[in-house]
PDB file of N, CA and C in Angstrom:
ATOM      1  N   MET A   1       0.858  -1.173   0.000  1.00  0.00           N
ATOM      2  CA  MET A   1       0.000   0.000   0.000  1.00  0.00           C
ATOM      3  C   MET A   1       0.903   1.235   0.000  1.00  0.00           C
ATOM      4  N   ASN A   2       0.612   2.149  -0.896  1.00  0.00           N
ATOM      5  CA  ASN A   2       1.418   3.367  -0.959  1.00  0.00           C
ATOM      6  C   ASN A   2       0.862   4.421   0.008  1.00  0.00           C
ATOM      7  N   PRO A   3       1.624   5.479   0.292  1.00  0.00           N
ATOM      8  CA  PRO A   3       1.182   6.489   1.267  1.00  0.00           C
ATOM      9  C   PRO A   3      -0.164   7.137   0.928  1.00  0.00           C
ATOM     10  N   LYS A   4      -0.424   7.348  -0.344  1.00  0.00           N
ATOM     11  CA  LYS A   4      -1.696   7.953  -0.744  1.00  0.00           C
ATOM     12  C   LYS A   4      -2.874   7.023  -0.422  1.00  0.00           C
ATOM     13  N   GLU A   5      -2.698   5.747  -0.668  1.00  0.00           N
ATOM     14  CA  GLU A   5      -3.742   4.764  -0.359  1.00  0.00           C
ATOM     15  C   GLU A   5      -3.948   4.644   1.149  1.00  0.00           C
ATOM     16  N   LEU A   6      -2.847   4.668   1.900  1.00  0.00           N
ATOM     17  CA  LEU A   6      -2.952   4.580   3.357  1.00  0.00           C
ATOM     18  C   LEU A   6      -3.699   5.788   3.918  1.00  0.00           C
ATOM     19  N   LYS A   7      -3.379   6.970   3.403  1.00  0.00           N
ATOM     20  CA  LYS A   7      -4.057   8.190   3.830  1.00  0.00           C
ATOM     21  C   LYS A   7      -5.561   8.079   3.557  1.00  0.00           C
ATOM     22  N   ALA A   8      -5.922   7.584   2.382  1.00  0.00           N
ATOM     23  CA  ALA A   8      -7.335   7.404   2.027  1.00  0.00           C
ATOM     24  C   ALA A   8      -8.010   6.408   2.963  1.00  0.00           C
ATOM     25  N   ALA A   9      -7.293   5.352   3.349  1.00  0.00           N
ATOM     26  CA  ALA A   9      -7.861   4.358   4.266  1.00  0.00           C
ATOM     27  C   ALA A   9      -8.125   4.961   5.648  1.00  0.00           C
ATOM     28  N   TYR A  10      -7.179   5.772   6.144  1.00  0.00           N
ATOM     29  CA  TYR A  10      -7.383   6.447   7.430  1.00  0.00           C
ATOM     30  C   TYR A  10      -8.604   7.358   7.357  1.00  0.00           C
ATOM     31  N   LYS A  11      -8.683   8.141   6.289  1.00  0.00           N
ATOM     32  CA  LYS A  11      -9.812   9.063   6.138  1.00  0.00           C
ATOM     33  C   LYS A  11     -11.134   8.314   6.086  1.00  0.00           C
ATOM     34  N   ALA A  12     -11.176   7.234   5.328  1.00  0.00           N
ATOM     35  CA  ALA A  12     -12.413   6.456   5.210  1.00  0.00           C
ATOM     36  C   ALA A  12     -12.815   5.850   6.548  1.00  0.00           C
ATOM     37  N   CYS A  13     -11.842   5.338   7.266  1.00  0.00           N
ATOM     38  CA  CYS A  13     -12.113   4.714   8.566  1.00  0.00           C
ATOM     39  C   CYS A  13     -12.678   5.719   9.565  1.00  0.00           C
ATOM     40  N   PHE A  14     -12.013   6.857   9.682  1.00  0.00           N
ATOM     41  CA  PHE A  14     -12.405   7.818  10.704  1.00  0.00           C
ATOM     42  C   PHE A  14     -13.509   8.771  10.254  1.00  0.00           C
ATOM     43  N   ALA A  15     -13.983   8.630   9.007  1.00  0.00           N
ATOM     44  CA  ALA A  15     -15.109   9.435   8.527  1.00  0.00           C
ATOM     45  C   ALA A  15     -16.451   8.812   8.903  1.00  0.00           C
ATOM     46  N   THR A  16     -16.443   7.542   9.272  1.00  0.00           N
ATOM     47  CA  THR A  16     -17.692   6.875   9.655  1.00  0.00           C
ATOM     48  C   THR A  16     -18.122   7.350  11.038  1.00  0.00           C
ATOM     49  N   ASN A  17     -19.373   7.112  11.375  1.00  0.00           N
ATOM     50  CA  ASN A  17     -19.847   7.471  12.721  1.00  0.00           C
ATOM     51  C   ASN A  17     -19.050   6.745  13.795  1.00  0.00           C
ATOM     52  N   ASP A  18     -18.841   5.445  13.602  1.00  0.00           N
ATOM     53  CA  ASP A  18     -18.056   4.685  14.580  1.00  0.00           C
ATOM     54  C   ASP A  18     -16.626   5.203  14.646  1.00  0.00           C
ATOM     55  N   GLY A  19     -16.038   5.531  13.510  1.00  0.00           N
ATOM     56  CA  GLY A  19     -14.680   6.062  13.480  1.00  0.00           C
ATOM     57  C   GLY A  19     -14.568   7.365  14.235  1.00  0.00           C
ATOM     58  N   LYS A  20     -15.576   8.234  14.095  1.00  0.00           N
ATOM     59  CA  LYS A  20     -15.576   9.506  14.819  1.00  0.00           C
ATOM     60  C   LYS A  20     -15.667   9.284  16.319  1.00  0.00           C
ATOM     61  N   ILE A  21     -16.475   8.317  16.717  1.00  0.00           N
ATOM     62  CA  ILE A  21     -16.611   7.983  18.145  1.00  0.00           C
ATOM     63  C   ILE A  21     -15.284   7.459  18.683  1.00  0.00           C
ATOM     64  N   VAL A  22     -14.646   6.565  17.933  1.00  0.00           N
ATOM     65  CA  VAL A  22     -13.369   5.996  18.366  1.00  0.00           C
ATOM     66  C   VAL A  22     -12.285   7.075  18.425  1.00  0.00           C
ATOM     67  N   LEU A  23     -12.214   7.930  17.414  1.00  0.00           N
ATOM     68  CA  LEU A  23     -11.206   8.982  17.415  1.00  0.00           C
ATOM     69  C   LEU A  23     -11.422   9.938  18.589  1.00  0.00           C
ATOM     70  N   ASP A  24     -12.661  10.290  18.856  1.00  0.00           N
ATOM     71  CA  ASP A  24     -12.957  11.149  20.009  1.00  0.00           C
ATOM     72  C   ASP A  24     -12.511  10.477  21.306  1.00  0.00           C
ATOM     73  N   ASP A  25     -12.763   9.178  21.433  1.00  0.00           N
ATOM     74  CA  ASP A  25     -12.333   8.446  22.630  1.00  0.00           C
ATOM     75  C   ASP A  25     -10.813   8.461  22.748  1.00  0.00           C
ATOM     76  N   LEU A  26     -10.109   8.229  21.647  1.00  0.00           N
ATOM     77  CA  LEU A  26      -8.645   8.251  21.671  1.00  0.00           C
ATOM     78  C   LEU A  26      -8.120   9.628  22.068  1.00  0.00           C
ATOM     79  N   GLU A  27      -8.742  10.681  21.540  1.00  0.00           N
ATOM     80  CA  GLU A  27      -8.333  12.046  21.890  1.00  0.00           C
ATOM     81  C   GLU A  27      -8.479  12.300  23.384  1.00  0.00           C
ATOM     82  N   GLN A  28      -9.606  11.863  23.943  1.00  0.00           N
ATOM     83  CA  GLN A  28      -9.856  12.075  25.374  1.00  0.00           C
ATOM     84  C   GLN A  28      -8.964  11.180  26.231  1.00  0.00           C
ATOM     85  N   ARG A  29      -8.910   9.918  25.875  1.00  0.00           N
ATOM     86  CA  ARG A  29      -8.177   8.915  26.668  1.00  0.00           C
ATOM     87  C   ARG A  29      -6.682   9.206  26.723  1.00  0.00           C
ATOM     88  N   PHE A  30      -6.112   9.679  25.599  1.00  0.00           N
ATOM     89  CA  PHE A  30      -4.671   9.858  25.521  1.00  0.00           C
ATOM     90  C   PHE A  30      -4.239  11.312  25.499  1.00  0.00           C
ATOM     91  N   GLY A  31      -5.139  12.203  25.893  1.00  0.00           N
ATOM     92  CA  GLY A  31      -4.786  13.581  26.198  1.00  0.00           C
ATOM     93  C   GLY A  31      -4.320  14.426  25.031  1.00  0.00           C
ATOM     94  N   LEU A  32      -4.993  14.308  23.896  1.00  0.00           N
ATOM     95  CA  LEU A  32      -4.580  15.095  22.738  1.00  0.00           C
ATOM     96  C   LEU A  32      -4.598  16.586  23.033  1.00  0.00           C
ATOM     97  N   TRP A  33      -5.568  17.042  23.780  1.00  0.00           N
ATOM     98  CA  TRP A  33      -5.755  18.488  23.988  1.00  0.00           C
ATOM     99  C   TRP A  33      -5.274  18.956  25.352  1.00  0.00           C
ATOM    100  N   ARG A  34      -4.453  18.150  26.028  1.00  0.00           N
ATOM    101  CA  ARG A  34      -3.894  18.595  27.318  1.00  0.00           C
ATOM    102  C   ARG A  34      -2.402  18.261  27.375  1.00  0.00           C
ATOM    103  N   THR A  35      -1.735  18.855  28.305  1.00  0.00           N
ATOM    104  CA  THR A  35      -0.298  18.645  28.435  1.00  0.00           C
ATOM    105  C   THR A  35       0.008  17.225  28.905  1.00  0.00           C
ATOM    106  N   SER A  36       1.122  16.707  28.455  1.00  0.00           N
ATOM    107  CA  SER A  36       1.577  15.375  28.863  1.00  0.00           C
ATOM    108  C   SER A  36       2.472  15.443  30.100  1.00  0.00           C
ATOM    109  N   TYR A  37       2.884  16.643  30.462  1.00  0.00           N
ATOM    110  CA  TYR A  37       3.860  16.812  31.537  1.00  0.00           C
ATOM    111  C   TYR A  37       3.316  16.415  32.903  1.00  0.00           C
ATOM    112  N   VAL A  38       4.104  15.632  33.599  1.00  0.00           N
ATOM    113  CA  VAL A  38       3.949  15.354  35.032  1.00  0.00           C
ATOM    114  C   VAL A  38       5.373  15.369  35.606  1.00  0.00           C
ATOM    115  N   PRO A  39       5.549  15.503  36.912  1.00  0.00           N
ATOM    116  CA  PRO A  39       6.906  15.588  37.471  1.00  0.00           C
ATOM    117  C   PRO A  39       7.814  14.382  37.169  1.00  0.00           C
ATOM    118  N   ASP A  40       7.256  13.212  36.963  1.00  0.00           N
ATOM    119  CA  ASP A  40       8.035  12.005  36.654  1.00  0.00           C
ATOM    120  C   ASP A  40       8.333  11.973  35.156  1.00  0.00           C
ATOM    121  N   SER A  41       9.595  12.109  34.777  1.00  0.00           N
ATOM    122  CA  SER A  41       9.946  12.204  33.357  1.00  0.00           C
ATOM    123  C   SER A  41       9.603  10.930  32.576  1.00  0.00           C
ATOM    124  N   ASP A  42       9.693   9.766  33.217  1.00  0.00           N
ATOM    125  CA  ASP A  42       9.323   8.528  32.533  1.00  0.00           C
ATOM    126  C   ASP A  42       7.833   8.516  32.217  1.00  0.00           C
ATOM    127  N   GLU A  43       7.024   8.946  33.166  1.00  0.00           N
ATOM    128  CA  GLU A  43       5.572   9.005  32.955  1.00  0.00           C
ATOM    129  C   GLU A  43       5.232  10.044  31.892  1.00  0.00           C
ATOM    130  N   THR A  44       5.930  11.186  31.892  1.00  0.00           N
ATOM    131  CA  THR A  44       5.716  12.205  30.868  1.00  0.00           C
ATOM    132  C   THR A  44       6.008  11.626  29.487  1.00  0.00           C
ATOM    133  N   ALA A  45       7.115  10.913  29.342  1.00  0.00           N
ATOM    134  CA  ALA A  45       7.480  10.311  28.057  1.00  0.00           C
ATOM    135  C   ALA A  45       6.430   9.289  27.628  1.00  0.00           C
ATOM    136  N   PHE A  46       5.954   8.488  28.557  1.00  0.00           N
ATOM    137  CA  PHE A  46       4.927   7.494  28.258  1.00  0.00           C
ATOM    138  C   PHE A  46       3.649   8.171  27.763  1.00  0.00           C
ATOM    139  N   ARG A  47       3.210   9.191  28.481  1.00  0.00           N
ATOM    140  CA  ARG A  47       1.996   9.906  28.096  1.00  0.00           C
ATOM    141  C   ARG A  47       2.147  10.586  26.735  1.00  0.00           C
ATOM    142  N   GLU A  48       3.318  11.148  26.491  1.00  0.00           N
ATOM    143  CA  GLU A  48       3.554  11.818  25.212  1.00  0.00           C
ATOM    144  C   GLU A  48       3.556  10.807  24.064  1.00  0.00           C
ATOM    145  N   GLY A  49       4.038   9.609  24.329  1.00  0.00           N
ATOM    146  CA  GLY A  49       3.982   8.552  23.318  1.00  0.00           C
ATOM    147  C   GLY A  49       2.551   8.185  22.959  1.00  0.00           C
ATOM    148  N   GLN A  50       1.688   8.086  23.969  1.00  0.00           N
ATOM    149  CA  GLN A  50       0.269   7.810  23.714  1.00  0.00           C
ATOM    150  C   GLN A  50      -0.352   8.945  22.899  1.00  0.00           C
ATOM    151  N   ARG A  51      -0.083  10.162  23.310  1.00  0.00           N
ATOM    152  CA  ARG A  51      -0.627  11.337  22.639  1.00  0.00           C
ATOM    153  C   ARG A  51      -0.140  11.408  21.197  1.00  0.00           C
ATOM    154  N   ASP A  52       1.123  11.057  20.982  1.00  0.00           N
ATOM    155  CA  ASP A  52       1.707  11.122  19.653  1.00  0.00           C
ATOM    156  C   ASP A  52       1.009  10.186  18.664  1.00  0.00           C
ATOM    157  N   ALA A  53       0.503   9.064  19.134  1.00  0.00           N
ATOM    158  CA  ALA A  53      -0.230   8.152  18.250  1.00  0.00           C
ATOM    159  C   ALA A  53      -1.488   8.833  17.705  1.00  0.00           C
ATOM    160  N   VAL A  54      -2.176   9.585  18.536  1.00  0.00           N
ATOM    161  CA  VAL A  54      -3.385  10.297  18.097  1.00  0.00           C
ATOM    162  C   VAL A  54      -3.003  11.460  17.179  1.00  0.00           C
ATOM    163  N   VAL A  55      -1.916  12.140  17.486  1.00  0.00           N
ATOM    164  CA  VAL A  55      -1.426  13.205  16.608  1.00  0.00           C
ATOM    165  C   VAL A  55      -1.102  12.620  15.231  1.00  0.00           C
ATOM    166  N   PHE A  56      -0.496  11.439  15.196  1.00  0.00           N
ATOM    167  CA  PHE A  56      -0.182  10.774  13.933  1.00  0.00           C
ATOM    168  C   PHE A  56      -1.446  10.528  13.115  1.00  0.00           C
ATOM    169  N   ILE A  57      -2.497  10.051  13.749  1.00  0.00           N
ATOM    170  CA  ILE A  57      -3.761   9.820  13.043  1.00  0.00           C
ATOM    171  C   ILE A  57      -4.269  11.116  12.428  1.00  0.00           C
ATOM    172  N   HIS A  58      -4.286  12.180  13.214  1.00  0.00           N
ATOM    173  CA  HIS A  58      -4.747  13.470  12.719  1.00  0.00           C
ATOM    174  C   HIS A  58      -3.885  13.952  11.552  1.00  0.00           C
ATOM    175  N   ASN A  59      -2.590  13.850  11.687  1.00  0.00           N
ATOM    176  CA  ASN A  59      -1.684  14.318  10.636  1.00  0.00           C
ATOM    177  C   ASN A  59      -1.820  13.485   9.364  1.00  0.00           C
ATOM    178  N   THR A  60      -2.068  12.200   9.514  1.00  0.00           N
ATOM    179  CA  THR A  60      -2.238  11.339   8.349  1.00  0.00           C
ATOM    180  C   THR A  60      -3.482  11.724   7.551  1.00  0.00           C
ATOM    181  N   MET A  61      -4.514  12.159   8.243  1.00  0.00           N
ATOM    182  CA  MET A  61      -5.769  12.504   7.566  1.00  0.00           C
ATOM    183  C   MET A  61      -5.794  13.932   7.019  1.00  0.00           C
ATOM    184  N   LYS A  62      -4.820  14.753   7.410  1.00  0.00           N
ATOM    185  CA  LYS A  62      -4.795  16.151   6.976  1.00  0.00           C
ATOM    186  C   LYS A  62      -4.606  16.281   5.476  1.00  0.00           C
ATOM    187  N   GLU A  63      -5.232  17.304   4.925  1.00  0.00           N
ATOM    188  CA  GLU A  63      -4.973  17.675   3.527  1.00  0.00           C
ATOM    189  C   GLU A  63      -3.688  18.464   3.491  1.00  0.00           C
ATOM    190  N   LYS A  64      -2.887  18.234   2.483  1.00  0.00           N
ATOM    191  CA  LYS A  64      -1.631  18.987   2.364  1.00  0.00           C
ATOM    192  C   LYS A  64      -1.668  19.864   1.151  1.00  0.00           C
TER     193      LYS A  64
END
């Protein structure tokens, strides 16, 4: 699968009602709209890794 096809697959998946519900859950669960920072640097890195997966989904679906 080439990058253009993969991008189309992400868009198709998350354009459905179920996809929107799942993406919203991922955004809330993994803190897309809040800071990842906590005093423990290992925990901060872990949280940022979770958040980065959701950022990746959003960036993959973006129009360029």
